[in-house]
N, C-alpha and C. Protein backbone atom coordinates (compact mmCIF):
# COMPACT_ATOMS: atom_id res chain seq x y z
N MET A 1 -0.01 3.26 -10.08
CA MET A 1 0.70 2.00 -10.16
C MET A 1 2.20 2.27 -9.98
N PRO A 2 2.86 1.52 -9.12
CA PRO A 2 4.29 1.72 -8.88
C PRO A 2 5.12 1.45 -10.14
N ASN A 3 6.19 2.19 -10.26
CA ASN A 3 7.06 2.08 -11.44
C ASN A 3 8.48 1.76 -10.99
N ARG A 4 8.92 0.55 -11.27
CA ARG A 4 10.26 0.10 -10.86
C ARG A 4 11.37 0.96 -11.49
N LYS A 5 11.09 1.57 -12.63
CA LYS A 5 12.10 2.40 -13.30
C LYS A 5 12.21 3.79 -12.67
N ASN A 6 11.36 4.08 -11.70
CA ASN A 6 11.32 5.41 -11.09
C ASN A 6 11.47 5.33 -9.57
N ILE A 7 12.34 4.43 -9.10
CA ILE A 7 12.49 4.24 -7.65
C ILE A 7 13.53 5.18 -7.06
N TRP A 8 13.41 5.37 -5.74
CA TRP A 8 14.42 6.14 -5.02
C TRP A 8 15.69 5.30 -4.88
N PRO A 9 16.86 5.89 -5.08
CA PRO A 9 18.10 5.12 -5.00
C PRO A 9 18.40 4.55 -3.61
N LYS A 10 17.78 5.09 -2.57
CA LYS A 10 18.05 4.62 -1.21
C LYS A 10 17.31 3.32 -0.87
N ASN A 11 16.43 2.84 -1.75
CA ASN A 11 15.73 1.59 -1.49
C ASN A 11 16.72 0.43 -1.41
N ALA A 12 16.45 -0.49 -0.47
CA ALA A 12 17.22 -1.73 -0.43
C ALA A 12 16.85 -2.54 -1.67
N LYS A 13 17.81 -3.13 -2.31
CA LYS A 13 17.56 -3.90 -3.53
C LYS A 13 16.76 -5.16 -3.21
N GLY A 14 15.83 -5.47 -4.11
CA GLY A 14 15.03 -6.67 -3.93
C GLY A 14 13.59 -6.51 -4.37
N GLN A 15 12.74 -7.32 -3.80
CA GLN A 15 11.35 -7.47 -4.21
C GLN A 15 10.51 -6.20 -4.05
N PHE A 16 10.59 -5.54 -2.91
CA PHE A 16 9.78 -4.36 -2.63
C PHE A 16 10.58 -3.09 -2.85
N TYR A 17 9.88 -1.99 -3.14
CA TYR A 17 10.53 -0.69 -3.34
C TYR A 17 9.49 0.42 -3.21
N VAL A 18 9.98 1.65 -3.04
CA VAL A 18 9.14 2.85 -3.04
C VAL A 18 9.57 3.68 -4.24
N ASP A 19 8.60 4.09 -5.07
CA ASP A 19 8.96 4.91 -6.22
C ASP A 19 8.80 6.41 -5.91
N ARG A 20 9.12 7.24 -6.89
CA ARG A 20 9.17 8.69 -6.68
C ARG A 20 7.81 9.37 -6.61
N THR A 21 6.72 8.59 -6.67
CA THR A 21 5.40 9.19 -6.49
C THR A 21 5.01 9.28 -5.02
N CYS A 22 5.87 8.77 -4.13
CA CYS A 22 5.62 8.82 -2.69
C CYS A 22 5.39 10.26 -2.24
N ILE A 23 4.35 10.46 -1.43
CA ILE A 23 4.03 11.80 -0.93
C ILE A 23 4.48 12.01 0.51
N GLY A 24 5.13 11.02 1.09
CA GLY A 24 5.65 11.16 2.45
C GLY A 24 4.59 11.16 3.53
N CYS A 25 3.53 10.39 3.35
CA CYS A 25 2.43 10.37 4.33
C CYS A 25 2.77 9.56 5.58
N ASN A 26 3.82 8.75 5.52
CA ASN A 26 4.32 7.97 6.65
C ASN A 26 3.50 6.70 6.94
N GLN A 27 2.52 6.39 6.12
CA GLN A 27 1.68 5.23 6.36
C GLN A 27 2.49 3.94 6.36
N CYS A 28 3.38 3.78 5.40
CA CYS A 28 4.17 2.54 5.32
C CYS A 28 5.13 2.42 6.51
N CYS A 29 5.66 3.55 6.96
CA CYS A 29 6.58 3.54 8.10
C CYS A 29 5.87 3.12 9.38
N THR A 30 4.59 3.47 9.49
CA THR A 30 3.79 3.08 10.65
C THR A 30 3.40 1.60 10.56
N THR A 31 3.07 1.15 9.37
CA THR A 31 2.62 -0.24 9.17
C THR A 31 3.77 -1.24 9.27
N ALA A 32 4.90 -0.91 8.69
CA ALA A 32 6.06 -1.83 8.66
C ALA A 32 7.33 -1.04 9.00
N PRO A 33 7.47 -0.61 10.26
CA PRO A 33 8.60 0.26 10.63
C PRO A 33 9.98 -0.38 10.50
N ARG A 34 10.06 -1.69 10.51
CA ARG A 34 11.37 -2.35 10.32
C ARG A 34 11.84 -2.28 8.87
N HIS A 35 10.91 -1.99 7.97
CA HIS A 35 11.21 -2.06 6.55
C HIS A 35 11.20 -0.70 5.85
N PHE A 36 10.37 0.21 6.32
CA PHE A 36 10.25 1.52 5.68
C PHE A 36 10.68 2.62 6.64
N GLN A 37 11.42 3.60 6.11
CA GLN A 37 11.82 4.76 6.90
C GLN A 37 11.58 6.02 6.08
N MET A 38 11.25 7.08 6.81
CA MET A 38 11.03 8.37 6.17
C MET A 38 12.37 9.08 5.98
N ASP A 39 12.59 9.60 4.80
CA ASP A 39 13.73 10.47 4.54
C ASP A 39 13.23 11.88 4.81
N GLU A 40 13.51 12.38 6.00
CA GLU A 40 12.99 13.68 6.43
C GLU A 40 13.51 14.83 5.57
N VAL A 41 14.71 14.70 5.06
CA VAL A 41 15.29 15.76 4.24
C VAL A 41 14.58 15.87 2.90
N GLU A 42 14.36 14.71 2.25
CA GLU A 42 13.76 14.70 0.92
C GLU A 42 12.24 14.55 0.95
N GLY A 43 11.66 14.19 2.12
CA GLY A 43 10.22 14.14 2.27
C GLY A 43 9.52 12.94 1.65
N HIS A 44 10.14 11.79 1.68
CA HIS A 44 9.53 10.57 1.14
C HIS A 44 10.03 9.38 1.92
N SER A 45 9.35 8.25 1.75
CA SER A 45 9.76 7.00 2.39
C SER A 45 10.66 6.20 1.47
N CYS A 46 11.44 5.32 2.07
CA CYS A 46 12.26 4.36 1.33
C CYS A 46 12.16 3.01 2.04
N LEU A 47 12.31 1.98 1.28
CA LEU A 47 12.38 0.64 1.84
C LEU A 47 13.83 0.41 2.24
N VAL A 48 14.08 0.25 3.53
CA VAL A 48 15.46 0.13 4.01
C VAL A 48 15.88 -1.30 4.30
N LYS A 49 14.89 -2.21 4.40
CA LYS A 49 15.20 -3.62 4.67
C LYS A 49 14.17 -4.49 3.96
N GLN A 50 14.65 -5.36 3.09
CA GLN A 50 13.76 -6.29 2.41
C GLN A 50 13.27 -7.35 3.41
N PRO A 51 12.04 -7.83 3.24
CA PRO A 51 11.54 -8.87 4.14
C PRO A 51 12.30 -10.18 3.95
N THR A 52 12.48 -10.90 5.04
CA THR A 52 13.20 -12.17 4.98
C THR A 52 12.39 -13.33 5.55
N SER A 53 11.14 -13.09 5.88
CA SER A 53 10.26 -14.16 6.38
C SER A 53 8.86 -13.94 5.81
N PRO A 54 8.05 -14.98 5.80
CA PRO A 54 6.68 -14.81 5.31
C PRO A 54 5.91 -13.72 6.07
N ALA A 55 6.12 -13.63 7.38
CA ALA A 55 5.43 -12.61 8.18
C ALA A 55 5.86 -11.21 7.75
N GLU A 56 7.14 -11.03 7.47
CA GLU A 56 7.64 -9.73 7.02
C GLU A 56 7.11 -9.38 5.63
N VAL A 57 7.00 -10.38 4.77
CA VAL A 57 6.42 -10.15 3.43
C VAL A 57 4.98 -9.67 3.59
N ARG A 58 4.21 -10.31 4.47
CA ARG A 58 2.82 -9.90 4.68
C ARG A 58 2.74 -8.47 5.20
N ARG A 59 3.66 -8.09 6.08
CA ARG A 59 3.66 -6.73 6.64
C ARG A 59 3.96 -5.71 5.52
N CYS A 60 4.91 -6.02 4.67
CA CYS A 60 5.23 -5.12 3.55
C CYS A 60 4.07 -5.05 2.55
N GLN A 61 3.40 -6.17 2.33
CA GLN A 61 2.23 -6.17 1.45
C GLN A 61 1.10 -5.33 2.05
N GLU A 62 0.96 -5.38 3.36
CA GLU A 62 -0.05 -4.57 4.03
C GLU A 62 0.26 -3.08 3.84
N ALA A 63 1.54 -2.71 3.98
CA ALA A 63 1.94 -1.32 3.76
C ALA A 63 1.68 -0.92 2.31
N MET A 64 1.97 -1.81 1.38
CA MET A 64 1.76 -1.55 -0.04
C MET A 64 0.28 -1.31 -0.32
N LYS A 65 -0.59 -2.14 0.23
CA LYS A 65 -2.03 -2.00 0.00
C LYS A 65 -2.59 -0.72 0.61
N GLY A 66 -1.95 -0.25 1.69
CA GLY A 66 -2.43 0.96 2.35
C GLY A 66 -1.87 2.25 1.79
N CYS A 67 -0.95 2.16 0.85
CA CYS A 67 -0.34 3.37 0.29
C CYS A 67 -1.38 4.16 -0.51
N PRO A 68 -1.64 5.41 -0.15
CA PRO A 68 -2.70 6.18 -0.82
C PRO A 68 -2.38 6.56 -2.27
N VAL A 69 -1.10 6.52 -2.65
CA VAL A 69 -0.73 6.89 -4.02
C VAL A 69 -0.11 5.73 -4.80
N GLN A 70 -0.18 4.54 -4.24
CA GLN A 70 0.36 3.33 -4.87
C GLN A 70 1.82 3.50 -5.27
N ALA A 71 2.62 4.00 -4.34
CA ALA A 71 4.04 4.21 -4.60
C ALA A 71 4.92 3.02 -4.22
N ILE A 72 4.33 1.99 -3.63
CA ILE A 72 5.09 0.81 -3.21
C ILE A 72 4.85 -0.32 -4.20
N GLY A 73 5.95 -0.88 -4.70
CA GLY A 73 5.86 -1.99 -5.64
C GLY A 73 6.47 -3.24 -5.06
N GLU A 74 6.14 -4.37 -5.68
CA GLU A 74 6.63 -5.66 -5.21
C GLU A 74 7.08 -6.53 -6.37
N ASP A 75 7.41 -5.94 -7.49
CA ASP A 75 7.75 -6.73 -8.67
C ASP A 75 9.25 -6.88 -8.90
N GLY A 76 10.04 -6.67 -7.86
CA GLY A 76 11.48 -6.87 -7.97
C GLY A 76 11.85 -8.32 -7.70
N ALA A 77 13.14 -8.62 -7.79
CA ALA A 77 13.63 -9.97 -7.52
C ALA A 77 13.50 -10.27 -6.03
N PRO A 78 12.79 -11.34 -5.66
CA PRO A 78 12.60 -11.64 -4.24
C PRO A 78 13.90 -12.03 -3.55
N VAL A 79 13.97 -11.66 -2.28
CA VAL A 79 15.08 -12.04 -1.42
C VAL A 79 14.73 -13.41 -0.85
N PRO A 80 15.69 -14.34 -0.77
CA PRO A 80 15.37 -15.66 -0.19
C PRO A 80 14.82 -15.51 1.23
N LEU A 81 13.74 -16.21 1.51
CA LEU A 81 13.12 -16.14 2.84
C LEU A 81 13.80 -17.10 3.79
N VAL A 82 13.79 -16.73 5.06
CA VAL A 82 14.37 -17.56 6.10
C VAL A 82 13.22 -18.32 6.74
N SER A 83 13.32 -19.63 6.75
CA SER A 83 12.28 -20.45 7.39
C SER A 83 12.56 -20.53 8.88
N PRO A 84 11.49 -20.56 9.67
CA PRO A 84 11.72 -20.73 11.11
C PRO A 84 12.39 -22.05 11.39
N ALA A 85 13.22 -22.08 12.39
CA ALA A 85 13.93 -23.31 12.75
C ALA A 85 12.95 -24.39 13.20
N ILE A 86 13.19 -25.59 12.77
CA ILE A 86 12.36 -26.72 13.17
C ILE A 86 13.11 -27.49 14.23
N ARG A 87 12.44 -27.66 15.36
CA ARG A 87 13.10 -28.36 16.47
C ARG A 87 12.79 -29.84 16.38
N VAL A 88 13.81 -30.61 16.51
CA VAL A 88 13.65 -32.07 16.50
C VAL A 88 13.96 -32.55 17.90
N ALA A 89 13.01 -33.31 18.46
CA ALA A 89 13.18 -33.78 19.84
C ALA A 89 14.05 -35.01 19.90
């Protein structure tokens, strides 16, 4: 289970995060490459961009569900989502 008190300092602040149990398998980086990046020096992933749309939230949730060691959490303060523009004719 992810632990918000044990996160990597390089995580972007907000709803999602990677904690220190990450084993650097790169699964999250493959699933949501706009949001997760591997720290090659330290050998773990970090969340570098919080999701800002419902589609991005789903992608991060998919990465979280696929994490083999449950190092990705989602219990932080959510970032306001951007709604798609509505066109008025």
